[in-house]
Amino acid sequence: MYVTAIDFETAYYAAHSAIALGISRIKDNVVIETRSWLFRPPGKTIYIRPDFIDIHGIKPRDLVGRPQFDGVWPEMAPYFETATMLLAHNARFDKNVLYSTAWHYGINLPAFDWVCTVNLARAKWPDIENHKLSTVCKHLDIPLQHHDPASDAQACANIYIQACKMEEQQPEQAA
């Protein structure tokens, strides 16, 4: 079983408009695999808000000929089925996208345990100027190509790993 960090990119504001997913698997506090998928948003046409393209750089032409989420779900499902916990930076967003997109396509998902690495970073590194992914990564010297879903997922995984290592280094508290 694995701890799995995820990051979604969307085409527009609707939570079920996922067009990319990055996943990074952790075993024994080591990232063992990172990958991503691109897929078309719901509907017959490929529409992505221009301001969203400015953020993540995914253009409609990048999705031509690709299946929708349900077409790649069989390939992605094992990453969720073997997860003991899911991580995301701003987990509320990614959790909403995951469940909304799955529901839209009739895919049943179990309830997962989630850790939000924004909240984790606030608890572990309270003195940094803010807890945006790019800021936390800079503070921890974690490489990041922001809004690339694989890079964002791997960065999230590395934030979690560094926080876990801090816990391991804490001296035992006297009872």
Protein backbone atom coordinates (compact mmCIF):
# COMPACT_ATOMS: atom_id res chain seq x y z
CA MET A 1 0.00 0.00 0.00
CA TYR A 2 1.09 3.54 -0.74
CA VAL A 3 0.56 7.14 0.24
CA THR A 4 -0.45 8.86 -2.99
CA ALA A 5 -0.14 12.56 -3.77
CA ILE A 6 -2.42 13.92 -6.48
CA ASP A 7 -2.85 17.13 -8.44
CA PHE A 8 -5.65 17.98 -10.88
CA GLU A 9 -5.84 20.68 -13.52
CA THR A 10 -9.26 21.73 -14.79
CA ALA A 11 -10.68 23.27 -17.97
CA TYR A 12 -12.99 25.72 -16.22
CA TYR A 13 -14.58 26.37 -12.84
CA ALA A 14 -16.84 23.28 -12.74
CA ALA A 15 -15.26 20.69 -10.45
CA HIS A 16 -15.96 17.87 -12.94
CA SER A 17 -13.97 19.62 -15.71
CA ALA A 18 -10.71 17.76 -14.95
CA ILE A 19 -8.30 17.60 -17.89
CA ALA A 20 -5.08 16.44 -16.22
CA LEU A 21 -4.06 14.38 -13.22
CA GLY A 22 -0.62 13.98 -11.71
CA ILE A 23 0.12 11.22 -9.22
CA SER A 24 3.16 10.58 -7.07
CA ARG A 25 3.41 7.40 -4.99
CA ILE A 26 5.29 7.20 -1.72
CA LYS A 27 6.52 4.04 -0.04
CA ASP A 28 8.64 4.13 3.12
CA ASN A 29 9.03 7.93 2.80
CA VAL A 30 10.47 7.68 -0.71
CA VAL A 31 8.77 8.76 -3.95
CA ILE A 32 8.79 5.61 -6.04
CA GLU A 33 6.74 6.71 -9.04
CA THR A 34 5.37 9.90 -10.55
CA ARG A 35 3.25 10.16 -13.66
CA SER A 36 0.43 12.10 -15.25
CA TRP A 37 -2.43 11.82 -17.69
CA LEU A 38 -4.17 14.27 -19.99
CA PHE A 39 -7.81 13.76 -20.96
CA ARG A 40 -10.65 15.69 -22.56
CA PRO A 41 -13.14 17.59 -20.43
CA PRO A 42 -16.81 16.57 -20.49
CA GLY A 43 -18.83 17.44 -23.58
CA LYS A 44 -18.45 17.05 -27.31
CA THR A 45 -16.13 20.01 -27.77
CA ILE A 46 -12.88 20.77 -26.01
CA TYR A 47 -13.29 24.06 -24.21
CA ILE A 48 -10.69 25.42 -21.78
CA ARG A 49 -11.06 28.90 -20.32
CA PRO A 50 -8.27 31.14 -21.65
CA ASP A 51 -7.34 32.27 -18.13
CA PHE A 52 -6.99 28.60 -17.12
CA ILE A 53 -4.72 28.00 -20.13
CA ASP A 54 -2.61 30.90 -18.85
CA ILE A 55 -2.26 29.07 -15.52
CA HIS A 56 -1.54 25.47 -16.55
CA GLY A 57 -0.62 25.82 -20.20
CA ILE A 58 -2.87 22.98 -21.38
CA LYS A 59 -4.50 23.93 -24.69
CA PRO A 60 -7.42 22.27 -26.49
CA ARG A 61 -5.04 20.97 -29.18
CA ASP A 62 -3.17 19.05 -26.44
CA LEU A 63 -6.34 17.05 -25.77
CA VAL A 64 -7.41 16.25 -29.34
CA GLY A 65 -7.73 12.49 -29.78
CA ARG A 66 -7.52 11.80 -26.06
CA PRO A 67 -10.28 10.01 -24.17
CA GLN A 68 -12.33 11.62 -21.44
CA PHE A 69 -11.67 10.83 -17.77
CA ASP A 70 -13.67 7.59 -17.83
CA GLY A 71 -11.57 6.35 -20.75
CA VAL A 72 -8.34 6.58 -18.75
CA TRP A 73 -9.84 5.65 -15.38
CA PRO A 74 -8.99 1.92 -15.78
CA GLU A 75 -5.31 2.93 -16.03
CA MET A 76 -5.51 5.38 -13.10
CA ALA A 77 -7.72 3.30 -10.77
CA PRO A 78 -4.95 1.04 -9.39
CA TYR A 79 -3.16 4.11 -8.03
CA PHE A 80 -6.24 4.91 -5.95
CA GLU A 81 -7.09 1.31 -5.07
CA THR A 82 -3.67 0.82 -3.47
CA ALA A 83 -3.62 4.16 -1.63
CA THR A 84 -3.83 4.15 2.15
CA MET A 85 -4.06 7.94 2.09
CA LEU A 86 -4.30 10.73 -0.49
CA LEU A 87 -2.33 13.96 -0.30
CA ALA A 88 -2.91 17.22 -2.10
CA HIS A 89 -1.79 20.81 -1.73
CA ASN A 90 -5.15 22.47 -1.06
CA ALA A 91 -6.83 19.08 -0.69
CA ARG A 92 -10.32 20.58 -0.68
CA PHE A 93 -9.90 21.47 -4.37
CA ASP A 94 -8.45 18.13 -5.52
CA LYS A 95 -10.90 16.12 -3.40
CA ASN A 96 -13.80 18.03 -4.93
CA VAL A 97 -12.45 17.54 -8.46
CA LEU A 98 -11.84 13.81 -7.90
CA TYR A 99 -15.28 13.04 -6.49
CA SER A 100 -17.16 15.39 -8.86
CA THR A 101 -15.43 14.02 -11.93
CA ALA A 102 -15.91 10.41 -10.84
CA TRP A 103 -19.59 11.08 -10.10
CA HIS A 104 -20.05 12.76 -13.49
CA TYR A 105 -18.82 9.60 -15.22
CA GLY A 106 -20.62 7.15 -12.92
CA ILE A 107 -17.45 5.93 -11.19
CA ASN A 108 -17.91 4.92 -7.56
CA LEU A 109 -15.07 5.85 -5.23
CA PRO A 110 -14.51 4.89 -1.61
CA ALA A 111 -13.94 7.47 1.08
CA PHE A 112 -10.22 8.16 1.36
CA ASP A 113 -8.20 9.55 4.23
CA TRP A 114 -6.78 12.88 3.08
CA VAL A 115 -3.90 15.07 4.17
CA CYS A 116 -3.75 18.66 2.96
CA THR A 117 -0.13 19.69 2.59
CA VAL A 118 -1.12 23.37 2.87
CA ASN A 119 -2.30 22.66 6.42
CA LEU A 120 0.69 20.41 7.05
CA ALA A 121 3.09 23.14 5.88
CA ARG A 122 1.34 25.71 8.09
CA ALA A 123 1.84 23.43 11.08
CA LYS A 124 5.46 22.47 10.33
CA TRP A 125 6.80 25.72 8.87
CA PRO A 126 4.62 28.48 10.34
CA ASP A 127 7.16 31.26 9.80
CA ILE A 128 7.39 31.21 6.00
CA GLU A 129 5.68 34.14 4.26
CA ASN A 130 2.78 32.06 2.87
CA HIS A 131 2.03 28.41 2.22
CA LYS A 132 1.47 28.39 -1.53
CA LEU A 133 3.01 25.36 -3.21
CA SER A 134 5.71 27.44 -4.90
CA THR A 135 6.66 29.19 -1.65
CA VAL A 136 6.84 25.99 0.40
CA CYS A 137 8.88 24.28 -2.33
CA LYS A 138 11.32 27.19 -2.46
CA HIS A 139 11.66 27.14 1.34
CA LEU A 140 12.31 23.37 1.36
CA ASP A 141 14.46 23.38 -1.82
CA ILE A 142 12.01 21.10 -3.65
CA PRO A 143 12.09 21.32 -7.48
CA LEU A 144 8.81 22.51 -9.01
CA GLN A 145 7.41 23.21 -12.47
CA HIS A 146 4.27 24.81 -11.09
CA HIS A 147 0.93 23.70 -12.59
CA ASP A 148 2.51 20.71 -14.30
CA PRO A 149 0.37 18.04 -12.61
CA ALA A 150 3.18 15.47 -12.23
CA SER A 151 5.56 18.08 -10.81
CA ASP A 152 2.91 19.46 -8.45
CA ALA A 153 2.04 15.96 -7.20
CA GLN A 154 5.70 15.10 -6.66
CA ALA A 155 6.29 18.40 -4.85
CA CYS A 156 3.31 17.66 -2.60
CA ALA A 157 4.73 14.20 -1.90
CA ASN A 158 8.11 15.71 -1.02
CA ILE A 159 6.54 18.24 1.36
CA TYR A 160 4.83 15.33 3.12
CA ILE A 161 8.09 13.34 3.26
CA GLN A 162 10.04 16.26 4.72
CA ALA A 163 7.33 16.78 7.35
CA CYS A 164 7.46 13.07 8.25
CA LYS A 165 11.25 13.22 8.57
CA MET A 166 10.88 16.17 10.95
CA GLU A 167 8.59 14.02 13.09
CA GLU A 168 11.16 11.21 13.12
CA GLN A 169 13.86 13.63 14.27
CA GLN A 170 11.82 14.95 17.19
CA PRO A 171 13.19 13.74 20.55
CA GLU A 172 10.95 11.48 22.60
CA GLN A 173 8.72 13.44 24.93
CA ALA A 174 8.98 12.54 28.61
CA ALA A 175 5.76 11.00 29.87
